[in-house]
Amino acid sequence: MVVVSFWLLNLLQIVLVTAADFTTFDMLPSISDVRKLQVGQELIAEKLPLQGGQCVYVLDGLELPKAYEVKISYPASIPASFTVKLLRASPLQAVRSGRRLLNTEKLMFRADASKDAELYGLLLAHVMVAVEPAGVVALPHTKDHELAIFNILCEEVKFGIPLQAWWIAFLGVIAVGISAVAPMILPQHLSPTGEPRLNCSNKSSD
């Protein structure tokens, strides 16, 4: 039931997106640090300066019309706060953004068909990642806290669930189904018809 409720909640959030959410893009800033992020391929141990570090990722491999999610994960030992923004370099529509899990930042967006969405047959999309220090550093003024280390992944989303997590949802549905059917099936196998049963309530006394 937990998996089904999570799936329905994600689907409802996508359906209830308003037009105001589509106008919250930022214009493409003047940032020299531009990197490439291929859909479905996670970049490991990316680095940004902890004090005001920011970069732009060019998303490669997007297809119309599909939904995608950009996810950033980072160690809990790094006192950092990440921000992920979809830039107005294309008519992609931001569905949801913000922190959803501990030490994880996520941004979901949808690529809709538009005459301005493609350039030379390639879908354009840019995501800006910014980091700021947060919390209390146990050992300040050390090199370990000069850089923020994180992993970033862009993957396709179906009904609010990333493709890589669909097998978990599938197993969850199977587990719920088994738990619902098991009470009706197991007693028949444990106590076959025609087999005598012990009656402990009636005891013969000599």
N, C-alpha and C. Protein backbone atom coordinates (compact mmCIF):
# COMPACT_ATOMS: atom_id res chain seq x y z
N MET A 1 0.82 -1.21 0.00
CA MET A 1 0.00 0.00 0.00
C MET A 1 0.85 1.26 0.00
N VAL A 2 2.02 1.19 0.64
CA VAL A 2 2.90 2.36 0.68
C VAL A 2 3.40 2.71 -0.71
N VAL A 3 3.77 1.67 -1.49
CA VAL A 3 4.27 1.90 -2.84
C VAL A 3 3.17 2.46 -3.74
N VAL A 4 1.96 1.90 -3.62
CA VAL A 4 0.84 2.38 -4.42
C VAL A 4 0.49 3.82 -4.06
N SER A 5 0.50 4.16 -2.78
CA SER A 5 0.21 5.53 -2.35
C SER A 5 1.26 6.50 -2.86
N PHE A 6 2.55 6.08 -2.82
CA PHE A 6 3.63 6.94 -3.33
C PHE A 6 3.45 7.19 -4.82
N TRP A 7 3.08 6.15 -5.57
CA TRP A 7 2.89 6.29 -7.01
C TRP A 7 1.73 7.22 -7.32
N LEU A 8 0.61 7.06 -6.61
CA LEU A 8 -0.54 7.92 -6.83
C LEU A 8 -0.25 9.37 -6.46
N LEU A 9 0.53 9.60 -5.41
CA LEU A 9 0.88 10.95 -5.01
C LEU A 9 1.73 11.64 -6.06
N ASN A 10 2.72 10.92 -6.61
CA ASN A 10 3.56 11.49 -7.66
C ASN A 10 2.75 11.80 -8.91
N LEU A 11 1.84 10.88 -9.27
CA LEU A 11 1.02 11.11 -10.46
C LEU A 11 0.10 12.29 -10.27
N LEU A 12 -0.47 12.46 -9.07
CA LEU A 12 -1.35 13.58 -8.79
C LEU A 12 -0.61 14.90 -8.86
N GLN A 13 0.65 14.93 -8.40
CA GLN A 13 1.43 16.17 -8.43
C GLN A 13 1.71 16.60 -9.86
N ILE A 14 1.88 15.64 -10.75
CA ILE A 14 2.15 15.98 -12.16
C ILE A 14 0.89 16.52 -12.82
N VAL A 15 -0.26 15.90 -12.52
CA VAL A 15 -1.52 16.30 -13.15
C VAL A 15 -1.93 17.69 -12.71
N LEU A 16 -1.65 18.05 -11.45
CA LEU A 16 -2.12 19.31 -10.90
C LEU A 16 -1.17 20.47 -11.12
N VAL A 17 -0.22 20.33 -12.05
CA VAL A 17 0.70 21.43 -12.35
C VAL A 17 -0.06 22.58 -12.99
N THR A 18 0.19 23.77 -12.51
CA THR A 18 -0.50 24.95 -13.04
C THR A 18 0.41 25.72 -13.97
N ALA A 19 -0.20 26.66 -14.70
CA ALA A 19 0.57 27.47 -15.64
C ALA A 19 1.59 28.33 -14.95
N ALA A 20 1.36 28.67 -13.69
CA ALA A 20 2.31 29.50 -12.95
C ALA A 20 3.62 28.78 -12.74
N ASP A 21 3.57 27.46 -12.65
CA ASP A 21 4.81 26.70 -12.46
C ASP A 21 5.69 26.76 -13.70
N PHE A 22 5.08 27.02 -14.87
CA PHE A 22 5.84 27.00 -16.11
C PHE A 22 6.58 28.30 -16.36
N THR A 23 6.33 29.33 -15.57
CA THR A 23 6.94 30.63 -15.79
C THR A 23 8.01 30.94 -14.76
N THR A 24 8.51 29.93 -14.08
CA THR A 24 9.48 30.15 -13.01
C THR A 24 10.90 29.87 -13.47
N PHE A 25 11.13 29.78 -14.78
CA PHE A 25 12.48 29.53 -15.26
C PHE A 25 13.35 30.76 -15.09
N ASP A 26 14.64 30.56 -14.99
CA ASP A 26 15.60 31.65 -14.97
C ASP A 26 16.29 31.71 -16.33
N MET A 27 16.64 32.92 -16.72
CA MET A 27 17.37 33.06 -17.98
C MET A 27 18.76 32.46 -17.83
N LEU A 28 19.31 32.00 -18.93
CA LEU A 28 20.62 31.38 -18.93
C LEU A 28 21.68 32.37 -18.45
N PRO A 29 22.33 32.12 -17.31
CA PRO A 29 23.29 33.08 -16.76
C PRO A 29 24.63 33.01 -17.47
N SER A 30 25.47 33.98 -17.16
CA SER A 30 26.81 34.01 -17.72
C SER A 30 27.74 33.21 -16.81
N ILE A 31 27.77 31.91 -17.01
CA ILE A 31 28.60 31.02 -16.21
C ILE A 31 29.58 30.32 -17.14
N SER A 32 30.85 30.41 -16.81
CA SER A 32 31.87 29.80 -17.66
C SER A 32 31.98 28.29 -17.47
N ASP A 33 31.54 27.81 -16.30
CA ASP A 33 31.63 26.38 -16.00
C ASP A 33 30.41 25.67 -16.58
N VAL A 34 30.54 25.15 -17.80
CA VAL A 34 29.46 24.45 -18.48
C VAL A 34 29.88 22.99 -18.68
N ARG A 35 29.03 22.08 -18.25
CA ARG A 35 29.33 20.66 -18.31
C ARG A 35 28.23 19.93 -19.06
N LYS A 36 28.51 18.70 -19.46
CA LYS A 36 27.56 17.89 -20.22
C LYS A 36 27.06 16.75 -19.35
N LEU A 37 25.73 16.53 -19.39
CA LEU A 37 25.11 15.44 -18.63
C LEU A 37 24.26 14.62 -19.58
N GLN A 38 24.66 13.38 -19.78
CA GLN A 38 23.94 12.47 -20.66
C GLN A 38 22.79 11.81 -19.89
N VAL A 39 21.64 11.73 -20.52
CA VAL A 39 20.48 11.10 -19.88
C VAL A 39 20.79 9.63 -19.59
N GLY A 40 20.54 9.22 -18.35
CA GLY A 40 20.75 7.84 -17.96
C GLY A 40 22.15 7.51 -17.48
N GLN A 41 23.07 8.47 -17.54
CA GLN A 41 24.44 8.23 -17.11
C GLN A 41 24.77 9.16 -15.94
N GLU A 42 25.00 8.58 -14.77
CA GLU A 42 25.27 9.36 -13.57
C GLU A 42 26.72 9.82 -13.55
N LEU A 43 26.91 11.09 -13.22
CA LEU A 43 28.25 11.64 -13.04
C LEU A 43 28.62 11.54 -11.57
N ILE A 44 29.75 10.92 -11.30
CA ILE A 44 30.17 10.65 -9.93
C ILE A 44 31.24 11.64 -9.50
N ALA A 45 31.15 12.07 -8.25
CA ALA A 45 32.16 12.92 -7.61
C ALA A 45 32.38 14.22 -8.37
N GLU A 46 31.29 14.87 -8.76
CA GLU A 46 31.40 16.21 -9.32
C GLU A 46 31.76 17.19 -8.20
N LYS A 47 32.46 18.26 -8.56
CA LYS A 47 32.95 19.18 -7.53
C LYS A 47 32.58 20.62 -7.88
N LEU A 48 32.24 21.37 -6.83
CA LEU A 48 31.99 22.80 -6.93
C LEU A 48 32.55 23.47 -5.68
N PRO A 49 33.01 24.72 -5.80
CA PRO A 49 33.42 25.45 -4.60
C PRO A 49 32.26 25.56 -3.62
N LEU A 50 32.53 25.30 -2.36
CA LEU A 50 31.47 25.33 -1.36
C LEU A 50 30.91 26.73 -1.17
N GLN A 51 31.74 27.74 -1.36
CA GLN A 51 31.31 29.13 -1.21
C GLN A 51 30.84 29.67 -2.55
N GLY A 52 29.54 29.63 -2.80
CA GLY A 52 28.99 30.24 -4.01
C GLY A 52 29.31 29.53 -5.29
N GLY A 53 29.60 28.26 -5.26
CA GLY A 53 29.90 27.51 -6.47
C GLY A 53 28.65 27.28 -7.31
N GLN A 54 28.80 27.38 -8.63
CA GLN A 54 27.68 27.12 -9.52
C GLN A 54 28.19 26.72 -10.91
N CYS A 55 27.39 25.93 -11.59
CA CYS A 55 27.73 25.50 -12.94
C CYS A 55 26.44 25.19 -13.69
N VAL A 56 26.58 25.04 -15.01
CA VAL A 56 25.43 24.73 -15.87
C VAL A 56 25.68 23.39 -16.54
N TYR A 57 24.69 22.52 -16.49
CA TYR A 57 24.75 21.23 -17.16
C TYR A 57 23.88 21.27 -18.41
N VAL A 58 24.46 20.90 -19.54
CA VAL A 58 23.71 20.76 -20.78
C VAL A 58 23.21 19.32 -20.85
N LEU A 59 21.91 19.15 -20.86
CA LEU A 59 21.31 17.82 -20.86
C LEU A 59 21.28 17.29 -22.28
N ASP A 60 21.88 16.13 -22.47
CA ASP A 60 21.98 15.52 -23.80
C ASP A 60 21.20 14.21 -23.80
N GLY A 61 20.45 13.99 -24.88
CA GLY A 61 19.71 12.74 -25.01
C GLY A 61 18.24 12.84 -24.66
N LEU A 62 17.71 14.07 -24.52
CA LEU A 62 16.29 14.24 -24.22
C LEU A 62 15.45 13.93 -25.45
N GLU A 63 14.23 13.44 -25.21
CA GLU A 63 13.31 13.11 -26.29
C GLU A 63 11.94 13.71 -26.00
N LEU A 64 11.23 14.05 -27.04
CA LEU A 64 9.87 14.60 -26.94
C LEU A 64 8.84 13.51 -27.22
N PRO A 65 7.70 13.54 -26.56
CA PRO A 65 7.43 14.26 -25.32
C PRO A 65 7.61 13.31 -24.14
N LYS A 66 8.56 13.57 -23.29
CA LYS A 66 8.83 12.71 -22.15
C LYS A 66 9.12 13.56 -20.92
N ALA A 67 9.01 12.93 -19.75
CA ALA A 67 9.30 13.60 -18.49
C ALA A 67 10.63 13.10 -17.96
N TYR A 68 11.36 13.99 -17.29
CA TYR A 68 12.69 13.65 -16.78
C TYR A 68 12.84 14.19 -15.37
N GLU A 69 13.83 13.64 -14.69
CA GLU A 69 14.15 14.08 -13.34
C GLU A 69 15.66 14.22 -13.21
N VAL A 70 16.09 15.37 -12.71
CA VAL A 70 17.49 15.60 -12.40
C VAL A 70 17.66 15.47 -10.89
N LYS A 71 18.54 14.57 -10.47
CA LYS A 71 18.72 14.30 -9.05
C LYS A 71 20.16 14.51 -8.65
N ILE A 72 20.36 15.22 -7.54
CA ILE A 72 21.69 15.44 -6.97
C ILE A 72 21.73 14.79 -5.59
N SER A 73 22.75 13.99 -5.36
CA SER A 73 22.96 13.39 -4.05
C SER A 73 24.36 13.73 -3.58
N TYR A 74 24.51 13.92 -2.27
CA TYR A 74 25.81 14.33 -1.73
C TYR A 74 25.96 13.77 -0.33
N PRO A 75 27.21 13.64 0.14
CA PRO A 75 27.44 13.07 1.48
C PRO A 75 26.87 13.96 2.57
N ALA A 76 26.41 13.32 3.63
CA ALA A 76 25.86 14.06 4.77
C ALA A 76 26.96 14.81 5.52
N SER A 77 28.21 14.41 5.33
CA SER A 77 29.31 15.06 6.04
C SER A 77 29.64 16.44 5.48
N ILE A 78 29.12 16.74 4.27
CA ILE A 78 29.38 18.04 3.66
C ILE A 78 28.26 19.00 4.04
N PRO A 79 28.56 20.07 4.78
CA PRO A 79 27.52 21.03 5.19
C PRO A 79 27.16 21.96 4.05
N ALA A 80 26.40 21.44 3.09
CA ALA A 80 26.09 22.21 1.89
C ALA A 80 24.60 22.17 1.60
N SER A 81 24.14 23.20 0.90
CA SER A 81 22.76 23.28 0.45
C SER A 81 22.78 23.51 -1.06
N PHE A 82 22.22 22.56 -1.81
CA PHE A 82 22.23 22.62 -3.27
C PHE A 82 20.90 23.16 -3.79
N THR A 83 20.99 23.85 -4.92
CA THR A 83 19.82 24.35 -5.63
C THR A 83 19.90 23.92 -7.08
N VAL A 84 18.81 23.36 -7.60
CA VAL A 84 18.75 22.91 -8.99
C VAL A 84 17.65 23.70 -9.70
N LYS A 85 18.00 24.36 -10.81
CA LYS A 85 17.04 25.18 -11.54
C LYS A 85 17.07 24.83 -13.02
N LEU A 86 15.89 24.76 -13.61
CA LEU A 86 15.77 24.61 -15.05
C LEU A 86 15.82 25.98 -15.70
N LEU A 87 16.74 26.18 -16.64
CA LEU A 87 16.95 27.50 -17.24
C LEU A 87 16.09 27.67 -18.48
N ARG A 88 15.77 28.92 -18.77
CA ARG A 88 14.91 29.23 -19.89
C ARG A 88 15.72 29.28 -21.19
N ALA A 89 16.33 28.15 -21.51
CA ALA A 89 17.00 28.02 -22.79
C ALA A 89 16.17 27.18 -23.73
N SER A 90 15.04 26.67 -23.24
CA SER A 90 14.13 25.86 -24.04
C SER A 90 12.75 25.90 -23.38
N PRO A 91 11.71 25.49 -24.10
CA PRO A 91 10.35 25.55 -23.53
C PRO A 91 10.02 24.35 -22.67
N LEU A 92 11.00 23.75 -22.03
CA LEU A 92 10.72 22.65 -21.13
C LEU A 92 9.96 23.17 -19.91
N GLN A 93 9.09 22.35 -19.37
CA GLN A 93 8.21 22.79 -18.31
C GLN A 93 8.60 22.12 -17.00
N ALA A 94 8.89 22.95 -16.00
CA ALA A 94 9.26 22.42 -14.69
C ALA A 94 8.02 21.94 -13.96
N VAL A 95 8.05 20.71 -13.51
CA VAL A 95 6.91 20.13 -12.81
C VAL A 95 7.07 20.26 -11.31
N ARG A 96 8.23 19.90 -10.79
CA ARG A 96 8.42 19.95 -9.34
C ARG A 96 9.90 20.12 -9.07
N SER A 97 10.22 20.84 -8.04
CA SER A 97 11.60 21.01 -7.65
C SER A 97 11.68 21.10 -6.14
N GLY A 98 12.89 21.00 -5.63
CA GLY A 98 13.08 21.12 -4.19
C GLY A 98 13.52 19.83 -3.55
N ARG A 99 13.92 19.93 -2.29
CA ARG A 99 14.42 18.78 -1.54
C ARG A 99 13.28 17.83 -1.20
N ARG A 100 13.46 16.55 -1.49
CA ARG A 100 12.46 15.54 -1.18
C ARG A 100 13.00 14.49 -0.22
N LEU A 101 14.28 14.22 -0.28
CA LEU A 101 14.88 13.23 0.59
C LEU A 101 16.10 13.84 1.26
N LEU A 102 16.57 13.21 2.31
CA LEU A 102 17.74 13.70 3.02
C LEU A 102 18.96 13.65 2.10
N ASN A 103 19.71 14.77 2.04
CA ASN A 103 20.92 14.88 1.24
C ASN A 103 20.64 14.59 -0.24
N THR A 104 19.48 14.99 -0.71
CA THR A 104 19.12 14.79 -2.11
C THR A 104 18.31 16.00 -2.59
N GLU A 105 18.67 16.50 -3.77
CA GLU A 105 17.91 17.56 -4.42
C GLU A 105 17.39 17.02 -5.74
N LYS A 106 16.12 17.30 -6.04
CA LYS A 106 15.52 16.78 -7.26
C LYS A 106 14.77 17.86 -8.01
N LEU A 107 14.77 17.73 -9.34
CA LEU A 107 14.00 18.62 -10.21
C LEU A 107 13.36 17.77 -11.29
N MET A 108 12.04 17.84 -11.41
CA MET A 108 11.33 17.09 -12.44
C MET A 108 10.80 18.07 -13.48
N PHE A 109 10.93 17.71 -14.76
CA PHE A 109 10.44 18.58 -15.82
C PHE A 109 9.92 17.72 -16.96
N ARG A 110 9.13 18.34 -17.81
CA ARG A 110 8.52 17.65 -18.94
C ARG A 110 8.90 18.34 -20.24
N ALA A 111 9.26 17.57 -21.23
CA ALA A 111 9.62 18.10 -22.54
C ALA A 111 8.40 18.00 -23.44
N ASP A 112 7.81 19.15 -23.79
CA ASP A 112 6.63 19.18 -24.64
C ASP A 112 7.02 19.60 -26.05
N ALA A 113 6.22 19.16 -27.00
CA ALA A 113 6.48 19.49 -28.40
C ALA A 113 6.33 20.98 -28.63
N SER A 114 7.28 21.58 -29.32
CA SER A 114 7.23 23.00 -29.64
C SER A 114 8.16 23.26 -30.82
N LYS A 115 7.81 24.22 -31.63
CA LYS A 115 8.65 24.50 -32.79
C LYS A 115 9.99 25.07 -32.39
N ASP A 116 10.08 25.62 -31.15
CA ASP A 116 11.33 26.20 -30.68
C ASP A 116 12.10 25.24 -29.77
N ALA A 117 11.60 24.02 -29.64
CA ALA A 117 12.22 23.10 -28.69
C ALA A 117 13.47 22.45 -29.24
N GLU A 118 13.61 22.42 -30.55
CA GLU A 118 14.74 21.73 -31.14
C GLU A 118 15.58 22.69 -31.97
N LEU A 119 16.85 22.41 -32.01
CA LEU A 119 17.79 23.17 -32.82
C LEU A 119 18.68 22.17 -33.54
N TYR A 120 18.59 22.15 -34.86
CA TYR A 120 19.33 21.19 -35.68
C TYR A 120 19.04 19.75 -35.23
N GLY A 121 17.77 19.49 -34.87
CA GLY A 121 17.37 18.15 -34.50
C GLY A 121 17.71 17.75 -33.09
N LEU A 122 18.27 18.65 -32.28
CA LEU A 122 18.65 18.33 -30.91
C LEU A 122 17.81 19.13 -29.94
N LEU A 123 17.28 18.46 -28.93
CA LEU A 123 16.49 19.14 -27.91
C LEU A 123 17.43 19.85 -26.94
N LEU A 124 17.16 21.12 -26.69
CA LEU A 124 18.01 21.92 -25.84
C LEU A 124 17.46 21.98 -24.42
N ALA A 125 18.31 21.81 -23.44
CA ALA A 125 17.92 21.96 -22.04
C ALA A 125 19.16 22.25 -21.22
N HIS A 126 19.03 23.18 -20.29
CA HIS A 126 20.13 23.56 -19.41
C HIS A 126 19.64 23.58 -17.97
N VAL A 127 20.44 23.04 -17.08
CA VAL A 127 20.12 23.01 -15.66
C VAL A 127 21.27 23.65 -14.90
N MET A 128 20.94 24.59 -14.03
CA MET A 128 21.97 25.24 -13.23
C MET A 128 21.98 24.63 -11.83
N VAL A 129 23.18 24.32 -11.37
CA VAL A 129 23.39 23.78 -10.03
C VAL A 129 24.20 24.79 -9.23
N ALA A 130 23.68 25.18 -8.08
CA ALA A 130 24.36 26.13 -7.20
C ALA A 130 24.47 25.52 -5.81
N VAL A 131 25.53 25.89 -5.10
CA VAL A 131 25.76 25.35 -3.76
C VAL A 131 26.16 26.47 -2.82
N GLU A 132 25.67 26.37 -1.60
CA GLU A 132 26.01 27.31 -0.55
C GLU A 132 26.27 26.53 0.74
N PRO A 133 27.17 27.03 1.59
CA PRO A 133 27.42 26.33 2.87
C PRO A 133 26.19 26.38 3.76
N ALA A 134 25.98 25.31 4.50
CA ALA A 134 24.84 25.23 5.41
C ALA A 134 25.24 24.41 6.62
N GLY A 135 24.71 24.76 7.77
CA GLY A 135 25.03 24.02 8.98
C GLY A 135 26.35 24.47 9.59
N VAL A 136 26.84 23.68 10.50
CA VAL A 136 28.07 23.98 11.23
C VAL A 136 29.16 23.00 10.82
N VAL A 137 30.31 23.54 10.46
CA VAL A 137 31.44 22.71 10.07
C VAL A 137 32.19 22.27 11.31
N ALA A 138 32.42 20.97 11.41
CA ALA A 138 33.11 20.44 12.60
C ALA A 138 34.56 20.92 12.66
N LEU A 139 35.24 20.91 11.50
CA LEU A 139 36.62 21.35 11.43
C LEU A 139 36.73 22.44 10.38
N PRO A 140 36.52 23.68 10.77
CA PRO A 140 36.58 24.76 9.78
C PRO A 140 37.99 25.01 9.29
N HIS A 141 38.06 25.71 8.13
CA HIS A 141 39.33 26.11 7.53
C HIS A 141 40.19 24.90 7.16
N THR A 142 39.55 23.83 6.76
CA THR A 142 40.27 22.66 6.28
C THR A 142 39.96 22.47 4.81
N LYS A 143 40.88 21.80 4.10
CA LYS A 143 40.70 21.59 2.67
C LYS A 143 39.52 20.69 2.36
N ASP A 144 39.13 19.85 3.32
CA ASP A 144 38.04 18.92 3.09
C ASP A 144 36.72 19.64 2.85
N HIS A 145 36.62 20.89 3.31
CA HIS A 145 35.37 21.63 3.21
C HIS A 145 35.49 22.81 2.25
N GLU A 146 36.50 22.82 1.40
CA GLU A 146 36.61 23.87 0.41
C GLU A 146 35.79 23.55 -0.83
N LEU A 147 35.55 22.26 -1.08
CA LEU A 147 34.79 21.81 -2.24
C LEU A 147 33.59 20.99 -1.80
N ALA A 148 32.50 21.13 -2.56
CA ALA A 148 31.31 20.30 -2.35
C ALA A 148 31.32 19.20 -3.40
N ILE A 149 31.26 17.97 -2.96
CA ILE A 149 31.29 16.81 -3.85
C ILE A 149 29.87 16.24 -3.94
N PHE A 150 29.44 15.93 -5.16
CA PHE A 150 28.08 15.43 -5.36
C PHE A 150 28.02 14.55 -6.60
N ASN A 151 26.96 13.76 -6.67
CA ASN A 151 26.64 12.97 -7.85
C ASN A 151 25.39 13.56 -8.49
N ILE A 152 25.32 13.53 -9.81
CA ILE A 152 24.16 14.08 -10.52
C ILE A 152 23.73 13.11 -11.59
N LEU A 153 22.41 12.96 -11.74
CA LEU A 153 21.83 12.01 -12.69
C LEU A 153 20.58 12.60 -13.29
N CYS A 154 20.41 12.43 -14.59
CA CYS A 154 19.18 12.79 -15.29
C CYS A 154 18.61 11.51 -15.89
N GLU A 155 17.38 11.19 -15.52
CA GLU A 155 16.76 9.97 -16.01
C GLU A 155 15.30 10.21 -16.36
N GLU A 156 14.79 9.36 -17.24
CA GLU A 156 13.40 9.46 -17.67
C GLU A 156 12.46 9.03 -16.55
N VAL A 157 11.29 9.65 -16.52
CA VAL A 157 10.29 9.38 -15.48
C VAL A 157 9.00 8.92 -16.13
N LYS A 158 8.42 7.86 -15.59
CA LYS A 158 7.12 7.36 -16.03
C LYS A 158 6.15 7.40 -14.86
N PHE A 159 5.06 8.16 -15.02
CA PHE A 159 4.03 8.27 -13.98
C PHE A 159 4.62 8.69 -12.63
N GLY A 160 5.60 9.58 -12.68
CA GLY A 160 6.18 10.11 -11.46
C GLY A 160 7.25 9.25 -10.84
N ILE A 161 7.60 8.12 -11.47
CA ILE A 161 8.61 7.21 -10.91
C ILE A 161 9.75 7.07 -11.91
N PRO A 162 11.01 7.30 -11.50
CA PRO A 162 12.14 7.10 -12.41
C PRO A 162 12.20 5.67 -12.92
N LEU A 163 12.69 5.50 -14.14
CA LEU A 163 12.72 4.16 -14.75
C LEU A 163 13.55 3.19 -13.92
N GLN A 164 14.64 3.67 -13.33
CA GLN A 164 15.50 2.78 -12.54
C GLN A 164 14.82 2.31 -11.26
N ALA A 165 13.75 2.99 -10.84
CA ALA A 165 13.06 2.59 -9.62
C ALA A 165 11.79 1.80 -9.90
N TRP A 166 11.49 1.56 -11.19
CA TRP A 166 10.27 0.84 -11.52
C TRP A 166 10.30 -0.59 -11.02
N TRP A 167 11.48 -1.23 -11.00
CA TRP A 167 11.53 -2.61 -10.53
C TRP A 167 11.19 -2.69 -9.04
N ILE A 168 11.55 -1.63 -8.28
CA ILE A 168 11.19 -1.60 -6.86
C ILE A 168 9.67 -1.47 -6.70
N ALA A 169 9.06 -0.60 -7.52
CA ALA A 169 7.60 -0.46 -7.46
C ALA A 169 6.91 -1.75 -7.88
N PHE A 170 7.48 -2.42 -8.89
CA PHE A 170 6.89 -3.68 -9.36
C PHE A 170 6.95 -4.75 -8.27
N LEU A 171 8.10 -4.85 -7.59
CA LEU A 171 8.22 -5.81 -6.50
C LEU A 171 7.28 -5.45 -5.35
N GLY A 172 7.11 -4.15 -5.12
CA GLY A 172 6.21 -3.73 -4.06
C GLY A 172 4.77 -4.13 -4.35
N VAL A 173 4.34 -3.96 -5.62
CA VAL A 173 2.98 -4.37 -6.00
C VAL A 173 2.81 -5.87 -5.84
N ILE A 174 3.84 -6.65 -6.24
CA ILE A 174 3.78 -8.11 -6.09
C ILE A 174 3.67 -8.49 -4.62
N ALA A 175 4.46 -7.81 -3.78
CA ALA A 175 4.42 -8.12 -2.35
C ALA A 175 3.05 -7.83 -1.75
N VAL A 176 2.44 -6.70 -2.18
CA VAL A 176 1.10 -6.36 -1.68
C VAL A 176 0.09 -7.40 -2.15
N GLY A 177 0.22 -7.84 -3.42
CA GLY A 177 -0.69 -8.84 -3.93
C GLY A 177 -0.57 -10.17 -3.21
N ILE A 178 0.68 -10.57 -2.94
CA ILE A 178 0.90 -11.84 -2.23
C ILE A 178 0.34 -11.77 -0.82
N SER A 179 0.56 -10.65 -0.15
CA SER A 179 0.05 -10.52 1.22
C SER A 179 -1.47 -10.53 1.27
N ALA A 180 -2.11 -10.09 0.18
CA ALA A 180 -3.57 -10.09 0.16
C ALA A 180 -4.14 -11.47 -0.18
N VAL A 181 -3.43 -12.23 -1.02
CA VAL A 181 -3.93 -13.53 -1.47
C VAL A 181 -3.52 -14.65 -0.53
N ALA A 182 -2.37 -14.50 0.12
CA ALA A 182 -1.83 -15.58 0.96
C ALA A 182 -2.80 -16.07 2.03
N PRO A 183 -3.51 -15.21 2.77
CA PRO A 183 -4.42 -15.73 3.80
C PRO A 183 -5.53 -16.62 3.26
N MET A 184 -5.90 -16.43 1.98
CA MET A 184 -6.97 -17.25 1.40
C MET A 184 -6.45 -18.57 0.84
N ILE A 185 -5.16 -18.65 0.54
CA ILE A 185 -4.61 -19.85 -0.08
C ILE A 185 -3.92 -20.76 0.93
N LEU A 186 -3.14 -20.19 1.83
CA LEU A 186 -2.34 -21.00 2.74
C LEU A 186 -3.15 -21.94 3.62
N PRO A 187 -4.27 -21.55 4.20
CA PRO A 187 -5.02 -22.50 5.04
C PRO A 187 -5.46 -23.76 4.32
N GLN A 188 -5.77 -23.67 3.02
CA GLN A 188 -6.19 -24.84 2.27
C GLN A 188 -5.05 -25.84 2.10
N HIS A 189 -3.85 -25.37 1.97
CA HIS A 189 -2.69 -26.26 1.82
C HIS A 189 -2.25 -26.82 3.16
N LEU A 190 -2.40 -26.03 4.20
CA LEU A 190 -1.97 -26.50 5.51
C LEU A 190 -2.94 -27.51 6.10
N SER A 191 -4.21 -27.42 5.72
CA SER A 191 -5.22 -28.34 6.23
C SER A 191 -6.02 -28.92 5.08
N PRO A 192 -5.50 -29.94 4.37
CA PRO A 192 -6.20 -30.52 3.22
C PRO A 192 -7.51 -31.16 3.66
N THR A 193 -8.48 -31.14 2.73
CA THR A 193 -9.77 -31.75 3.03
C THR A 193 -9.63 -33.24 3.17
N GLY A 194 -10.35 -33.83 4.09
CA GLY A 194 -10.33 -35.26 4.29
C GLY A 194 -9.30 -35.71 5.29
N GLU A 195 -8.37 -34.83 5.68
CA GLU A 195 -7.35 -35.22 6.66
C GLU A 195 -7.87 -35.00 8.06
N PRO A 196 -7.79 -35.98 8.91
CA PRO A 196 -8.32 -35.82 10.27
C PRO A 196 -7.55 -34.74 11.02
N ARG A 197 -8.27 -33.98 11.84
CA ARG A 197 -7.65 -32.93 12.64
C ARG A 197 -7.73 -33.30 14.11
N LEU A 198 -6.79 -32.82 14.86
CA LEU A 198 -6.77 -33.07 16.30
C LEU A 198 -7.71 -32.12 17.00
N ASN A 199 -8.50 -32.64 17.90
CA ASN A 199 -9.42 -31.81 18.69
C ASN A 199 -8.95 -31.84 20.13
N CYS A 200 -8.34 -30.76 20.54
CA CYS A 200 -7.74 -30.71 21.87
C CYS A 200 -8.76 -30.36 22.94
N SER A 201 -9.95 -29.94 22.52
CA SER A 201 -10.93 -29.53 23.51
C SER A 201 -11.60 -30.72 24.18
N ASN A 202 -11.77 -31.84 23.40
CA ASN A 202 -12.42 -33.02 23.94
C ASN A 202 -11.37 -34.05 24.31
N LYS A 203 -11.13 -34.26 25.56
CA LYS A 203 -10.14 -35.22 26.04
C LYS A 203 -10.87 -36.31 26.83
N SER A 204 -10.50 -37.51 26.56
CA SER A 204 -11.10 -38.63 27.28
C SER A 204 -10.45 -38.78 28.64
N SER A 205 -11.27 -39.01 29.64
CA SER A 205 -10.74 -39.18 30.99
C SER A 205 -10.98 -40.61 31.44
N ASP A 206 -10.01 -41.26 31.95
CA ASP A 206 -10.12 -42.65 32.43
C ASP A 206 -10.60 -42.65 33.88
